[in-house]
N, C-alpha and C. Protein backbone atom coordinates (compact mmCIF):
# COMPACT_ATOMS: atom_id res chain seq x y z
N UNK A 1 85.48 -12.20 64.99
CA UNK A 1 86.14 -11.22 64.21
C UNK A 1 87.42 -11.32 65.01
N UNK A 2 88.62 -11.43 64.11
CA UNK A 2 89.92 -11.30 64.56
C UNK A 2 90.30 -9.93 64.55
N UNK A 3 91.30 -9.67 65.64
CA UNK A 3 91.88 -8.34 65.48
C UNK A 3 92.75 -7.91 64.28
N UNK A 4 93.28 -8.99 63.71
CA UNK A 4 94.17 -8.79 62.64
C UNK A 4 93.47 -7.83 61.58
N UNK A 5 92.00 -7.76 61.60
CA UNK A 5 91.47 -6.93 60.85
C UNK A 5 91.62 -5.38 61.14
N UNK A 6 91.78 -5.03 62.38
CA UNK A 6 91.64 -3.84 63.08
C UNK A 6 93.18 -3.20 63.40
N UNK A 7 94.43 -3.99 63.00
CA UNK A 7 95.44 -3.33 63.15
C UNK A 7 96.31 -3.30 62.11
N UNK A 8 97.29 -2.56 61.91
CA UNK A 8 98.10 -2.38 60.54
C UNK A 8 99.26 -3.36 60.65
N UNK A 9 99.71 -3.69 59.43
CA UNK A 9 100.86 -4.50 59.40
C UNK A 9 102.53 -3.77 60.12
N UNK A 10 102.12 -2.43 60.03
CA UNK A 10 103.31 -1.56 60.64
C UNK A 10 103.01 -2.03 62.22
N UNK A 11 101.91 -1.81 62.96
CA UNK A 11 101.81 -1.92 64.13
C UNK A 11 102.13 -3.66 64.63
N UNK A 12 101.71 -4.42 63.92
CA UNK A 12 101.91 -5.65 64.14
C UNK A 12 103.40 -5.97 64.23
N UNK A 13 104.26 -5.58 63.23
CA UNK A 13 105.66 -5.67 63.16
C UNK A 13 106.28 -4.88 64.28
N UNK A 14 105.86 -3.76 64.55
CA UNK A 14 106.27 -3.17 65.94
C UNK A 14 106.24 -3.94 67.19
N UNK A 15 104.94 -4.72 67.44
CA UNK A 15 104.62 -5.73 68.57
C UNK A 15 105.59 -6.65 68.38
N UNK A 16 105.95 -7.45 67.25
CA UNK A 16 106.97 -8.45 67.20
C UNK A 16 108.34 -8.27 67.32
N UNK A 17 108.59 -6.96 67.04
CA UNK A 17 110.03 -6.22 67.27
C UNK A 17 110.10 -6.23 68.70
N UNK A 18 109.15 -5.68 69.56
CA UNK A 18 109.45 -5.37 70.69
C UNK A 18 109.45 -6.66 71.46
N UNK A 19 108.33 -7.80 71.03
CA UNK A 19 108.51 -8.81 71.79
C UNK A 19 109.75 -9.84 71.75
N UNK A 20 110.23 -10.02 70.39
CA UNK A 20 111.47 -10.76 70.40
C UNK A 20 112.64 -10.11 71.04
N UNK A 21 112.75 -8.73 71.13
CA UNK A 21 113.84 -7.99 71.54
C UNK A 21 113.74 -8.23 73.01
N UNK A 22 112.75 -7.98 73.82
CA UNK A 22 112.51 -8.02 75.29
C UNK A 22 112.27 -9.44 75.82
N UNK A 23 112.02 -10.50 74.99
CA UNK A 23 112.27 -11.90 75.61
C UNK A 23 113.53 -12.19 75.86
N UNK A 24 114.47 -11.62 75.12
CA UNK A 24 116.05 -12.04 75.45
C UNK A 24 116.10 -12.05 77.07
N UNK A 25 115.52 -11.01 77.18
CA UNK A 25 116.04 -10.39 78.73
C UNK A 25 115.00 -10.54 79.68
N UNK A 26 114.04 -11.41 79.32
CA UNK A 26 112.83 -11.45 80.29
C UNK A 26 112.92 -12.56 81.36
N UNK A 27 113.71 -13.65 81.42
CA UNK A 27 113.56 -14.57 82.10
C UNK A 27 112.43 -15.72 81.83
N UNK A 28 111.88 -15.47 80.69
CA UNK A 28 110.94 -16.48 80.12
C UNK A 28 111.95 -17.44 79.47
N UNK A 29 111.79 -18.90 79.92
CA UNK A 29 112.25 -20.09 79.46
C UNK A 29 112.44 -20.03 77.67
N UNK A 30 113.23 -20.59 77.20
CA UNK A 30 113.54 -20.41 75.69
C UNK A 30 112.54 -21.29 75.25
N UNK A 31 112.17 -22.31 75.84
CA UNK A 31 111.16 -23.21 74.99
C UNK A 31 109.79 -22.64 74.85
N UNK A 32 109.21 -21.52 75.81
CA UNK A 32 108.22 -21.17 75.62
C UNK A 32 108.30 -19.85 74.62
N UNK A 33 109.33 -19.17 74.43
CA UNK A 33 109.63 -18.22 73.41
C UNK A 33 109.16 -18.23 71.93
N UNK A 34 109.38 -19.24 71.39
CA UNK A 34 108.84 -19.56 70.00
C UNK A 34 107.11 -19.43 70.03
N UNK A 35 106.49 -20.02 70.98
CA UNK A 35 105.02 -20.09 70.93
C UNK A 35 104.48 -18.62 71.24
N UNK A 36 105.21 -17.69 72.05
CA UNK A 36 104.79 -16.54 72.00
C UNK A 36 105.15 -15.49 70.83
N UNK A 37 106.26 -15.70 70.29
CA UNK A 37 106.36 -15.22 69.01
C UNK A 37 105.35 -15.40 68.01
N UNK A 38 104.97 -16.66 67.72
CA UNK A 38 103.95 -17.19 66.69
C UNK A 38 102.65 -16.48 67.07
N UNK A 39 102.33 -16.54 68.30
CA UNK A 39 100.97 -15.86 68.82
C UNK A 39 100.94 -14.70 68.51
N UNK A 40 101.91 -13.70 69.22
CA UNK A 40 101.84 -12.34 68.70
C UNK A 40 102.07 -11.89 67.12
N UNK A 41 102.95 -12.70 66.58
CA UNK A 41 103.10 -12.32 65.04
C UNK A 41 102.15 -12.73 64.31
N UNK A 42 101.74 -13.83 64.15
CA UNK A 42 100.69 -14.53 63.34
C UNK A 42 99.55 -15.07 63.78
N UNK A 43 99.17 -14.81 65.17
CA UNK A 43 98.01 -15.17 65.96
C UNK A 43 97.76 -16.71 65.88
N UNK A 44 98.84 -17.40 65.77
CA UNK A 44 98.88 -18.74 65.95
C UNK A 44 98.82 -19.04 67.43
N UNK A 45 97.98 -19.95 67.82
CA UNK A 45 97.35 -20.36 69.27
C UNK A 45 98.71 -21.31 69.88
N UNK A 46 99.40 -20.76 70.82
CA UNK A 46 100.19 -21.61 71.57
C UNK A 46 99.81 -23.00 72.19
N UNK A 47 100.68 -23.42 72.80
CA UNK A 47 100.40 -24.90 73.64
C UNK A 47 99.36 -24.16 74.90
N UNK A 48 98.83 -25.43 75.57
CA UNK A 48 97.83 -25.42 76.68
C UNK A 48 98.52 -24.47 77.85
N UNK A 49 99.84 -24.67 78.22
CA UNK A 49 100.19 -23.79 79.27
C UNK A 49 100.42 -22.31 79.16
N UNK A 50 100.75 -21.95 77.92
CA UNK A 50 100.60 -20.39 77.44
C UNK A 50 99.31 -20.15 76.92
N UNK A 51 98.46 -20.74 76.74
CA UNK A 51 97.03 -20.42 76.44
C UNK A 51 96.45 -20.10 77.74
N UNK A 52 96.58 -20.87 78.67
CA UNK A 52 95.97 -20.60 80.11
C UNK A 52 96.76 -19.35 80.75
N UNK A 53 97.90 -18.93 80.50
CA UNK A 53 98.55 -17.74 80.86
C UNK A 53 97.95 -16.59 80.21
N UNK A 54 97.65 -16.85 78.77
CA UNK A 54 97.23 -15.73 78.20
C UNK A 54 95.81 -15.43 78.33
N UNK A 55 95.26 -16.46 78.98
CA UNK A 55 93.82 -16.22 79.10
C UNK A 55 93.40 -15.71 80.67
N UNK A 56 94.53 -15.73 81.33
CA UNK A 56 94.37 -15.29 82.66
C UNK A 56 93.71 -16.36 83.53
N UNK A 57 94.05 -17.70 83.22
CA UNK A 57 93.61 -18.74 84.20
C UNK A 57 94.53 -19.36 84.75
N UNK A 58 94.88 -19.06 85.80
CA UNK A 58 96.08 -19.46 86.82
C UNK A 58 95.90 -20.79 87.20
N UNK A 59 94.63 -21.45 87.46
CA UNK A 59 94.35 -22.72 87.82
C UNK A 59 95.04 -23.78 86.73
N UNK A 60 94.50 -23.37 85.57
CA UNK A 60 94.61 -24.16 84.44
C UNK A 60 96.16 -24.26 84.10
N UNK A 61 96.84 -22.77 84.32
CA UNK A 61 98.31 -22.84 83.95
C UNK A 61 99.11 -23.62 85.02
N UNK A 62 98.78 -23.51 86.26
CA UNK A 62 99.38 -24.47 87.25
C UNK A 62 99.28 -25.86 87.03
N UNK A 63 98.05 -26.46 86.39
CA UNK A 63 97.84 -27.67 86.14
C UNK A 63 98.70 -28.04 84.87
N UNK A 64 98.80 -27.23 83.70
CA UNK A 64 99.47 -27.67 82.77
C UNK A 64 100.87 -27.20 82.77
N UNK A 65 101.66 -26.66 83.76
CA UNK A 65 102.94 -26.18 83.59
C UNK A 65 103.97 -27.27 83.68
N UNK A 66 105.01 -27.62 83.08
CA UNK A 66 106.37 -28.36 83.37
C UNK A 66 106.95 -27.58 84.53
N UNK A 67 107.82 -28.27 85.00
CA UNK A 67 108.76 -27.61 86.31
C UNK A 67 109.16 -26.24 85.81
N UNK A 68 109.72 -26.20 84.78
CA UNK A 68 110.29 -25.08 84.37
C UNK A 68 109.52 -24.05 84.12
N UNK A 69 108.45 -24.26 83.22
CA UNK A 69 107.40 -23.23 83.14
C UNK A 69 106.77 -22.90 84.39
N UNK A 70 106.71 -23.54 85.31
CA UNK A 70 105.89 -23.14 86.61
C UNK A 70 106.94 -22.01 87.32
N UNK A 71 108.02 -22.46 87.43
CA UNK A 71 108.96 -21.14 87.75
C UNK A 71 109.18 -19.92 87.00
N UNK A 72 108.60 -20.03 85.83
CA UNK A 72 108.63 -18.94 84.81
C UNK A 72 107.21 -17.98 84.97
N UNK A 73 106.30 -18.61 85.60
CA UNK A 73 105.17 -17.67 85.76
C UNK A 73 105.29 -16.36 86.05
N UNK A 74 106.09 -15.87 87.10
CA UNK A 74 106.44 -14.55 87.47
C UNK A 74 106.95 -13.74 86.55
N UNK A 75 107.90 -14.31 85.63
CA UNK A 75 108.69 -13.52 84.48
C UNK A 75 107.91 -13.59 83.20
N UNK A 76 106.89 -14.45 83.11
CA UNK A 76 106.01 -14.53 82.08
C UNK A 76 104.94 -13.35 82.24
N UNK A 77 104.62 -13.31 82.97
CA UNK A 77 103.39 -12.28 83.43
C UNK A 77 103.87 -10.89 83.53
N UNK A 78 105.14 -10.82 84.03
CA UNK A 78 105.71 -9.22 83.99
C UNK A 78 106.16 -8.94 82.53
N UNK A 79 106.51 -10.29 81.79
CA UNK A 79 106.81 -9.88 80.41
C UNK A 79 105.43 -9.48 79.39
N UNK A 80 104.54 -10.13 79.74
CA UNK A 80 103.22 -9.96 79.13
C UNK A 80 102.61 -8.32 79.47
N UNK A 81 102.67 -8.17 80.88
CA UNK A 81 102.22 -6.91 81.06
C UNK A 81 103.19 -5.72 80.51
N UNK A 82 104.53 -5.89 80.58
CA UNK A 82 105.33 -4.81 80.17
C UNK A 82 105.30 -4.68 78.73
N UNK A 83 105.22 -5.63 77.86
CA UNK A 83 105.70 -5.68 76.59
C UNK A 83 104.70 -6.30 75.65
N UNK A 84 103.68 -7.02 75.72
CA UNK A 84 102.46 -7.54 75.19
C UNK A 84 101.41 -6.52 74.71
N UNK A 85 100.99 -6.57 73.52
CA UNK A 85 99.90 -5.67 73.30
C UNK A 85 98.77 -6.08 74.37
N UNK A 86 98.39 -5.19 75.01
CA UNK A 86 97.12 -5.44 75.98
C UNK A 86 95.86 -6.34 75.49
N UNK A 87 95.68 -5.58 73.98
CA UNK A 87 94.40 -6.35 73.55
C UNK A 87 94.52 -7.76 72.98
N UNK A 88 95.52 -8.50 73.37
CA UNK A 88 95.79 -9.60 72.83
C UNK A 88 95.96 -10.66 73.83
N UNK A 89 95.69 -10.33 75.17
CA UNK A 89 95.66 -11.25 76.44
C UNK A 89 94.96 -10.74 77.58
N UNK A 90 94.84 -11.54 78.47
CA UNK A 90 94.13 -11.18 79.71
C UNK A 90 92.68 -12.13 79.84
N UNK A 91 92.02 -12.20 78.67
CA UNK A 91 90.79 -12.99 79.03
C UNK A 91 90.86 -13.90 77.88
N UNK A 92 89.85 -14.91 78.08
CA UNK A 92 89.57 -15.70 76.79
C UNK A 92 89.37 -15.04 75.47
N UNK A 93 88.22 -14.12 75.95
CA UNK A 93 87.59 -13.31 74.59
C UNK A 93 89.02 -12.54 74.07
N UNK A 94 89.81 -11.80 74.76
CA UNK A 94 90.98 -11.36 73.90
C UNK A 94 91.67 -12.02 73.09
N UNK A 95 92.15 -13.44 73.71
CA UNK A 95 92.92 -14.24 73.18
C UNK A 95 92.12 -14.82 71.85
N UNK A 96 90.93 -15.20 71.83
CA UNK A 96 90.00 -15.58 70.47
C UNK A 96 89.88 -14.45 69.70
N UNK A 97 89.97 -13.33 70.09
CA UNK A 97 89.85 -12.18 69.23
C UNK A 97 91.31 -11.86 68.43
N UNK A 98 92.26 -12.11 69.11
CA UNK A 98 93.44 -11.98 68.60
C UNK A 98 94.10 -12.91 67.77
N UNK A 99 93.88 -14.43 68.00
CA UNK A 99 94.09 -15.49 67.60
C UNK A 99 93.48 -15.78 65.82
N UNK A 100 94.35 -16.31 65.08
CA UNK A 100 93.85 -16.74 63.51
C UNK A 100 93.47 -18.07 63.64
N UNK A 101 93.99 -18.60 64.51
CA UNK A 101 93.36 -20.30 64.80
C UNK A 101 92.76 -20.54 66.13
N UNK A 102 91.44 -19.80 66.02
CA UNK A 102 90.75 -19.96 67.68
C UNK A 102 90.16 -21.34 67.78
N UNK A 103 90.11 -22.35 66.67
CA UNK A 103 89.81 -23.53 67.14
C UNK A 103 90.59 -24.42 67.62
N UNK A 104 91.87 -23.76 67.98
CA UNK A 104 92.86 -24.64 68.86
C UNK A 104 92.95 -24.34 70.39
N UNK A 105 92.13 -23.38 70.40
CA UNK A 105 91.89 -22.88 72.21
C UNK A 105 91.12 -24.29 73.02
N UNK A 106 92.00 -24.26 73.87
CA UNK A 106 91.98 -25.46 74.72
C UNK A 106 91.33 -25.31 75.84
N UNK A 107 91.29 -24.00 76.55
CA UNK A 107 91.18 -23.82 77.75
C UNK A 107 89.92 -22.86 77.68
């Protein structure tokens, strides 16, 4: 069951406003930002690197990172910890529950 059934549109909108606003100052590379916004706003599964980070799989994240993303691991984790809804990331189960496209999970 998706978390979308348990949160209100107003809560989801507040998450998105927080995420978009904070991404600008986060140190997260621009090429990763749209995937994060789509994931948190619509539950659309991002690419494999972000999936690895969201599911808290460091080994997979390092293996799938391009050089710029590799350098962004610290700011990305700080951003998630400080601004992302805790129920939406941190484990494979949390990501599957948040996603509206769970069939796209690669990790």
